[in-house]
Protein backbone atom coordinates (compact mmCIF):
# COMPACT_ATOMS: atom_id res chain seq x y z
CA MET A 1 5.15 3.42 20.27
CA SER A 2 2.98 6.01 18.60
CA ALA A 3 4.73 8.97 17.08
CA GLY A 4 2.51 11.40 18.93
CA PRO A 5 0.56 14.32 17.52
CA GLY A 6 2.16 16.53 14.91
CA GLY A 7 4.70 15.95 12.20
CA GLY A 8 4.42 14.51 8.75
CA LEU A 9 4.42 11.04 7.23
CA LEU A 10 7.02 10.05 4.65
CA VAL A 11 6.12 6.98 2.60
CA VAL A 12 8.81 5.34 0.47
CA GLY A 13 7.94 2.68 -2.07
CA ASP A 14 6.26 1.75 -5.29
CA VAL A 15 4.02 3.74 -7.60
CA VAL A 16 2.67 1.91 -10.62
CA THR A 17 -0.08 2.02 -13.21
CA ASP A 18 -2.85 -0.46 -12.44
CA VAL A 19 -4.85 -2.03 -15.26
CA VAL A 20 -7.88 -3.40 -13.42
CA ALA A 21 -9.85 -6.08 -15.28
CA ARG A 22 -13.08 -7.10 -13.54
CA HIS A 23 -14.51 -10.34 -14.87
CA ARG A 24 -17.25 -12.60 -13.56
CA GLY A 25 -16.47 -16.27 -13.23
CA PRO A 26 -13.41 -18.21 -14.32
CA LEU A 27 -11.08 -16.99 -17.07
CA ALA A 28 -11.66 -18.80 -20.37
CA ALA A 29 -8.26 -20.11 -21.50
CA GLY A 30 -7.58 -19.77 -25.22
CA THR A 31 -10.48 -17.42 -25.99
CA ASP A 32 -12.25 -14.23 -24.80
CA THR A 33 -13.47 -13.50 -21.29
CA PRO A 34 -15.69 -10.39 -21.10
CA ALA A 35 -14.38 -7.82 -18.61
CA ALA A 36 -14.65 -4.18 -17.59
CA ILE A 37 -11.16 -2.70 -17.77
CA ARG A 38 -9.85 0.56 -16.29
CA THR A 39 -6.42 2.13 -16.10
CA LEU A 40 -5.80 3.72 -12.70
CA PRO A 41 -2.93 4.98 -10.54
CA GLY A 42 -1.69 2.42 -8.02
CA GLY A 43 1.27 0.96 -6.18
CA ALA A 44 1.17 -0.17 -2.55
CA GLY A 45 3.37 2.64 -1.26
CA ALA A 46 1.60 5.37 -3.21
CA ASN A 47 -1.79 3.98 -2.18
CA VAL A 48 -0.82 4.07 1.51
CA ALA A 49 0.23 7.71 1.16
CA CYS A 50 -3.07 8.65 -0.51
CA TRP A 51 -5.18 6.88 2.11
CA ALA A 52 -3.21 8.54 4.93
CA ALA A 53 -3.95 11.93 3.41
CA HIS A 54 -7.59 10.94 2.93
CA ALA A 55 -7.74 10.01 6.63
CA GLY A 56 -6.70 13.52 7.61
CA CYS A 57 -2.90 13.50 7.77
CA ALA A 58 -2.06 17.03 6.65
CA ASP A 59 1.55 16.41 5.63
CA VAL A 60 2.07 13.26 3.58
CA ARG A 61 5.04 12.89 1.28
CA PHE A 62 5.77 10.05 -1.11
CA LEU A 63 9.19 9.08 -2.46
CA GLY A 64 9.10 6.83 -5.51
CA ARG A 65 10.49 6.28 -8.99
CA VAL A 66 8.61 6.41 -12.29
CA GLY A 67 9.39 6.37 -15.98
CA ALA A 68 9.06 9.45 -18.17
CA ASP A 69 6.06 7.79 -19.85
CA ALA A 70 3.70 8.46 -16.93
CA ALA A 71 5.55 10.76 -14.52
CA ALA A 72 3.27 13.78 -14.97
CA TRP A 73 0.13 11.62 -14.75
CA HIS A 74 1.20 10.04 -11.45
CA GLU A 75 2.33 13.36 -10.02
CA ARG A 76 -1.09 14.87 -10.80
CA HIS A 77 -2.94 12.02 -9.13
CA LEU A 78 -0.78 12.07 -6.00
CA THR A 79 -1.19 15.83 -5.69
CA ALA A 80 -4.95 15.55 -6.16
CA CYS A 81 -5.03 13.12 -3.23
CA GLY A 82 -3.24 15.60 -0.99
CA VAL A 83 0.16 13.90 -1.19
CA ARG A 84 3.39 15.77 -1.89
CA PRO A 85 5.02 13.74 -4.70
CA LEU A 86 8.80 13.30 -4.54
CA LEU A 87 9.26 11.36 -7.75
CA THR A 88 12.51 10.51 -9.48
CA VAL A 89 12.01 10.16 -13.23
CA ASP A 90 13.99 7.18 -14.49
CA ALA A 91 15.63 7.79 -17.86
CA GLU A 92 15.91 4.09 -18.71
CA ALA A 93 12.94 2.23 -17.22
CA ALA A 94 9.24 2.64 -17.84
CA THR A 95 6.72 3.13 -15.04
CA GLY A 96 5.71 -0.14 -13.43
CA THR A 97 2.45 -1.74 -14.52
CA VAL A 98 0.27 -4.21 -12.66
CA ILE A 99 -2.52 -6.19 -14.30
CA CYS A 100 -5.17 -6.71 -11.60
CA LEU A 101 -7.55 -9.55 -12.45
CA VAL A 102 -10.58 -9.12 -10.20
CA ASP A 103 -13.25 -11.79 -9.99
CA ALA A 104 -16.43 -9.70 -9.80
CA GLY A 105 -18.10 -12.42 -7.71
CA ALA A 106 -19.05 -11.98 -4.07
CA ALA A 107 -15.51 -11.88 -2.65
CA ALA A 108 -14.08 -9.64 -5.42
CA GLU A 109 -10.71 -11.36 -4.91
CA ARG A 110 -7.89 -10.29 -7.18
CA THR A 111 -4.79 -11.73 -8.82
CA PHE A 112 -1.85 -9.57 -9.81
CA LEU A 113 0.53 -9.77 -12.78
CA THR A 114 3.33 -7.42 -11.76
CA ASP A 115 5.95 -5.56 -13.78
CA SER A 116 7.47 -3.24 -11.17
CA GLY A 117 9.40 -1.27 -13.82
CA ALA A 118 11.11 1.88 -12.53
CA SER A 119 9.99 1.16 -8.94
CA LEU A 120 12.54 -1.66 -8.80
CA ARG A 121 15.31 0.89 -9.41
CA LEU A 122 14.55 3.07 -6.37
CA ALA A 123 17.99 3.20 -4.73
CA PRO A 124 20.09 4.85 -2.00
CA GLY A 125 20.92 7.62 -4.47
CA ASP A 126 17.29 8.71 -4.30
CA TRP A 127 17.55 9.20 -0.53
CA SER A 128 18.50 12.33 1.37
CA ASP A 129 18.46 12.79 5.14
CA ALA A 130 16.65 16.07 4.51
CA LEU A 131 13.61 14.05 3.44
CA LEU A 132 12.99 13.47 7.15
CA ASP A 133 12.80 17.17 8.03
CA GLY A 134 9.49 17.67 9.81
CA VAL A 135 8.62 13.96 9.56
CA ALA A 136 7.18 12.10 12.57
CA ARG A 137 7.01 8.66 10.94
CA LEU A 138 8.71 6.87 8.04
CA HIS A 139 6.71 4.14 6.32
CA LEU A 140 8.30 1.63 3.95
CA SER A 141 6.51 -0.46 1.35
CA GLY A 142 7.56 -4.10 1.52
CA TYR A 143 8.11 -4.09 -2.25
CA LEU A 144 11.39 -2.31 -1.51
CA LEU A 145 12.73 -5.53 0.00
CA PHE A 146 12.24 -7.47 -3.23
CA SER A 147 15.14 -5.84 -5.12
CA GLU A 148 18.81 -5.34 -4.28
CA THR A 149 18.65 -1.59 -4.76
CA GLY A 150 15.47 -1.38 -2.68
CA ARG A 151 17.04 -3.33 0.16
CA ALA A 152 20.04 -1.00 0.10
CA LEU A 153 17.69 1.99 0.24
CA VAL A 154 15.82 0.51 3.20
CA ALA A 155 19.07 0.12 5.13
CA VAL A 156 20.04 3.74 4.49
CA ALA A 157 16.56 5.12 5.26
CA VAL A 158 16.15 3.13 8.48
CA GLU A 159 19.59 4.16 9.72
CA SER A 160 18.78 7.80 8.98
CA ALA A 161 15.40 7.56 10.72
CA ARG A 162 16.86 5.89 13.79
CA ALA A 163 19.54 8.58 14.04
CA ARG A 164 16.75 11.18 14.21
CA GLY A 165 14.46 9.18 16.48
CA VAL A 166 11.84 8.81 13.75
CA PRO A 167 9.84 5.55 14.10
CA VAL A 168 9.60 3.25 11.08
CA SER A 169 6.69 1.07 9.93
CA LEU A 170 6.67 -1.62 7.26
CA ASP A 171 3.96 -3.40 5.26
CA PRO A 172 5.20 -6.68 3.71
CA ALA A 173 2.94 -5.93 0.70
CA SER A 174 3.07 -9.24 -1.20
CA ALA A 175 2.81 -12.81 0.08
CA GLY A 176 3.99 -14.11 -3.28
CA PHE A 177 7.20 -12.08 -3.41
CA LEU A 178 7.70 -12.62 0.32
CA ALA A 179 7.69 -16.37 -0.22
CA GLY A 180 10.42 -15.92 -2.82
CA LEU A 181 12.56 -13.78 -0.51
CA GLY A 182 12.13 -16.07 2.47
CA ALA A 183 10.69 -15.34 5.92
CA GLY A 184 14.04 -15.39 7.71
CA ARG A 185 15.63 -12.95 5.34
CA PHE A 186 12.61 -10.64 5.43
CA LEU A 187 12.64 -10.53 9.23
CA ALA A 188 16.37 -9.86 9.29
CA LEU A 189 15.84 -6.95 6.89
CA SER A 190 13.07 -5.62 9.16
CA ALA A 191 15.50 -4.76 11.95
CA GLY A 192 14.77 -1.28 13.25
CA VAL A 193 11.07 -1.39 12.34
CA ASP A 194 8.68 -0.62 15.23
CA VAL A 195 5.35 -1.36 13.51
CA LEU A 196 4.70 -4.26 11.12
CA LEU A 197 1.40 -4.45 9.21
CA PRO A 198 1.16 -7.84 7.47
CA SER A 199 -1.89 -9.36 5.82
CA ARG A 200 -3.23 -12.63 7.21
CA ASP A 201 -1.31 -14.64 4.61
CA GLU A 202 1.90 -12.69 5.15
CA ALA A 203 1.74 -13.08 8.95
CA CYS A 204 1.24 -16.83 8.61
CA LEU A 205 4.02 -17.09 6.04
CA LEU A 206 6.46 -15.19 8.25
CA THR A 207 5.89 -17.50 11.23
CA GLY A 208 4.76 -20.82 9.76
CA LEU A 209 1.69 -20.65 12.00
CA PRO A 210 -1.77 -21.34 10.52
CA ASP A 211 -3.67 -18.74 12.55
CA ALA A 212 -3.19 -15.01 11.90
CA ALA A 213 -3.72 -14.03 15.55
CA ASP A 214 -1.13 -16.53 16.74
CA ALA A 215 1.19 -15.35 14.01
CA ALA A 216 0.78 -11.69 14.99
CA ALA A 217 1.53 -12.54 18.62
CA GLU A 218 4.62 -14.47 17.61
CA LEU A 219 5.88 -11.65 15.37
CA SER A 220 5.41 -9.15 18.20
CA ARG A 221 8.14 -10.94 20.14
CA ARG A 222 10.65 -9.37 17.74
CA ILE A 223 8.79 -6.28 16.43
CA PRO A 224 7.22 -4.00 19.10
CA LEU A 225 3.79 -3.60 17.48
CA VAL A 226 2.23 -5.96 14.94
CA VAL A 227 -1.16 -5.42 13.31
CA ALA A 228 -2.39 -8.32 11.19
CA LYS A 229 -4.99 -7.41 8.57
CA ARG A 230 -7.52 -10.18 8.11
CA GLY A 231 -9.83 -8.82 5.43
CA GLY A 232 -13.46 -9.54 6.28
CA ALA A 233 -12.42 -10.84 9.71
CA GLY A 234 -11.05 -7.44 10.80
CA ALA A 235 -7.65 -6.94 12.39
CA VAL A 236 -5.58 -8.21 15.30
CA VAL A 237 -3.23 -6.01 17.31
CA ALA A 238 -0.35 -7.72 19.13
CA ARG A 239 2.57 -6.63 21.24
CA SER A 240 5.03 -8.32 23.59
CA GLY A 241 4.06 -11.79 22.39
CA ALA A 242 0.31 -11.50 22.99
CA VAL A 243 -2.82 -10.31 21.20
CA CYS A 244 -4.01 -7.10 22.90
CA ALA A 245 -6.96 -6.19 20.65
CA ARG A 246 -9.27 -7.77 18.11
CA VAL A 247 -11.01 -5.25 15.89
CA PRO A 248 -14.01 -6.35 13.81
CA ALA A 249 -14.30 -5.47 10.14
CA VAL A 250 -16.78 -2.83 9.00
CA PRO A 251 -19.54 -4.40 6.85
CA ALA A 252 -19.10 -3.69 3.16
CA THR A 253 -20.18 -4.96 -0.25
CA PRO A 254 -16.91 -5.71 -2.09
CA ARG A 255 -16.47 -4.68 -5.72
CA ASP A 256 -12.65 -4.78 -5.86
CA THR A 257 -10.33 -5.69 -2.99
CA THR A 258 -7.29 -4.10 -4.68
CA GLY A 259 -5.61 -1.74 -2.22
CA ALA A 260 -7.81 -2.62 0.77
CA GLY A 261 -4.75 -3.45 2.87
CA ASP A 262 -3.08 -0.23 1.74
CA ALA A 263 -6.17 1.71 2.81
CA PHE A 264 -6.00 0.10 6.24
CA THR A 265 -2.32 0.91 6.58
CA GLY A 266 -2.72 4.54 5.49
CA ALA A 267 -5.61 5.24 7.86
CA PHE A 268 -3.89 3.36 10.70
CA LEU A 269 -0.73 5.44 10.36
CA ALA A 270 -2.68 8.69 10.06
CA ALA A 271 -4.47 7.85 13.32
CA LEU A 272 -1.20 6.98 15.07
CA LEU A 273 0.16 10.35 14.07
CA THR A 274 -2.73 12.07 15.87
CA GLY A 275 -1.82 10.19 19.07
CA ALA A 276 -4.44 7.44 18.76
CA ARG A 277 -3.85 4.15 20.55
CA PRO A 278 -3.23 1.09 18.34
CA ARG A 279 -6.79 -0.26 18.86
CA GLN A 280 -8.30 3.07 17.80
CA ALA A 281 -5.94 3.27 14.86
CA ALA A 282 -6.93 -0.26 13.80
CA GLN A 283 -10.58 0.75 13.93
CA ALA A 284 -9.79 3.65 11.59
CA GLY A 285 -7.95 1.18 9.36
CA CYS A 286 -10.96 -1.13 9.18
CA ARG A 287 -13.23 1.77 8.21
CA ALA A 288 -10.87 2.74 5.40
CA GLY A 289 -10.61 -0.88 4.25
CA ALA A 290 -14.41 -1.12 3.99
CA LEU A 291 -14.52 2.04 1.91
CA ALA A 292 -11.72 0.74 -0.32
CA VAL A 293 -13.37 -2.57 -1.24
CA GLU A 294 -16.51 -0.77 -2.41
CA ARG A 295 -14.45 1.18 -4.97
CA ILE A 296 -12.62 0.19 -8.14
CA GLY A 297 -8.85 0.51 -7.83
CA GLY A 298 -6.53 1.11 -4.89
CA ARG A 299 -6.98 4.82 -4.22
CA PRO A 300 -9.46 6.80 -2.07
CA PRO A 301 -12.11 9.16 -3.42
CA VAL A 302 -10.82 12.65 -4.04
CA ALA A 303 -12.47 15.99 -3.22
CA ALA A 304 -14.34 17.40 -6.20
CA ASP A 305 -11.96 20.21 -7.08
CA GLY A 306 -10.45 21.01 -10.45
CA ARG A 307 -7.60 18.55 -10.12
CA ASP A 308 -10.00 15.76 -9.23
CA ARG A 309 -12.15 16.47 -12.25
CA GLU A 310 -9.02 16.27 -14.38
CA GLY A 311 -8.10 12.93 -12.82
CA ARG A 312 -11.55 11.45 -13.25
CA ALA A 313 -11.67 12.61 -16.85
CA GLY A 314 -8.37 10.81 -17.42
CA ALA A 315 -9.73 7.64 -15.84
CA ARG A 316 -12.85 7.77 -18.01
CA ALA A 317 -10.73 8.26 -21.10
CA ALA A 318 -8.65 5.24 -20.16
CA GLU A 319 -11.65 3.04 -19.38
CA ARG A 320 -12.02 0.12 -21.73
CA ILE A 321 -14.31 -2.85 -22.06
CA ASP A 322 -12.86 -5.70 -24.05
CA GLY A 323 -10.20 -3.37 -25.39
CA ARG A 324 -12.76 -0.89 -26.82
CA PRO A 325 -13.87 2.46 -25.39
CA SER A 326 -16.68 1.85 -22.90
CA GLY A 327 -19.10 3.94 -24.94
CA ALA A 328 -18.53 1.71 -27.97
CA GLY A 329 -20.53 -1.13 -26.41
């Protein structure tokens, strides 16, 4: 089940620009709602890669597609996080953008407005079997399954991984898009996956069961290892039709829950690659999730080297409050 110590992690999926708007209380329709707004690097797949590197995985690679408008910016941020960027620059589509509306109340829950942009055009032509050289695990972002070209890429990548004996994990990524695709079709497209990491809502949606633990157990009848992420309730590990571990969440004071599930997934996979058992890996995932919700945006903190200073300076320059520079009051 685990890939065993050694070898790299290849993540394939979405990289987008997140515009995070933190507001307190309900949105005021038809007029202004005060908010603190920042522009940050994001994307579920790219976030997973960054959190895996943050958790200690020494060889993390990310395959994605961006527009020319932000290619250099995203490459810098991935590199600063310790990820080797393998980005195709799309000549026709702009980089995807996600508006993240975060209620700055106690739960810091968020709502996404998603324009996947160039990420939707990631296709089999972007794949090469050589991408798996030295790779011990392939991880796929579920966003790939929400476009025809992405689904075709998943089929090619999974076939290539299976031919080399490389295990494959998948994070459904979006309950909203998953509902549009349909549970049956999603599960059919997941053939060949050995680890599934759904959120509570995604696990319930995939099975029709109201309880995430029951749903994880049910999913593990068809996928060898299922880890359901339950936010503040921790995580459930299931295999062979039964729950085998319940891991409590790490206490945290949420500021922004964007990317918390990605943080869990990245740390979980990094731990698996060191030979950790699924329970231990889930504990690492919960620690990363707690760190993630206390930060703004979906990425981990970065070591204070020159590249990081450059990235933080870019974030400060992009920070806005009510559309004005933050220093303008």
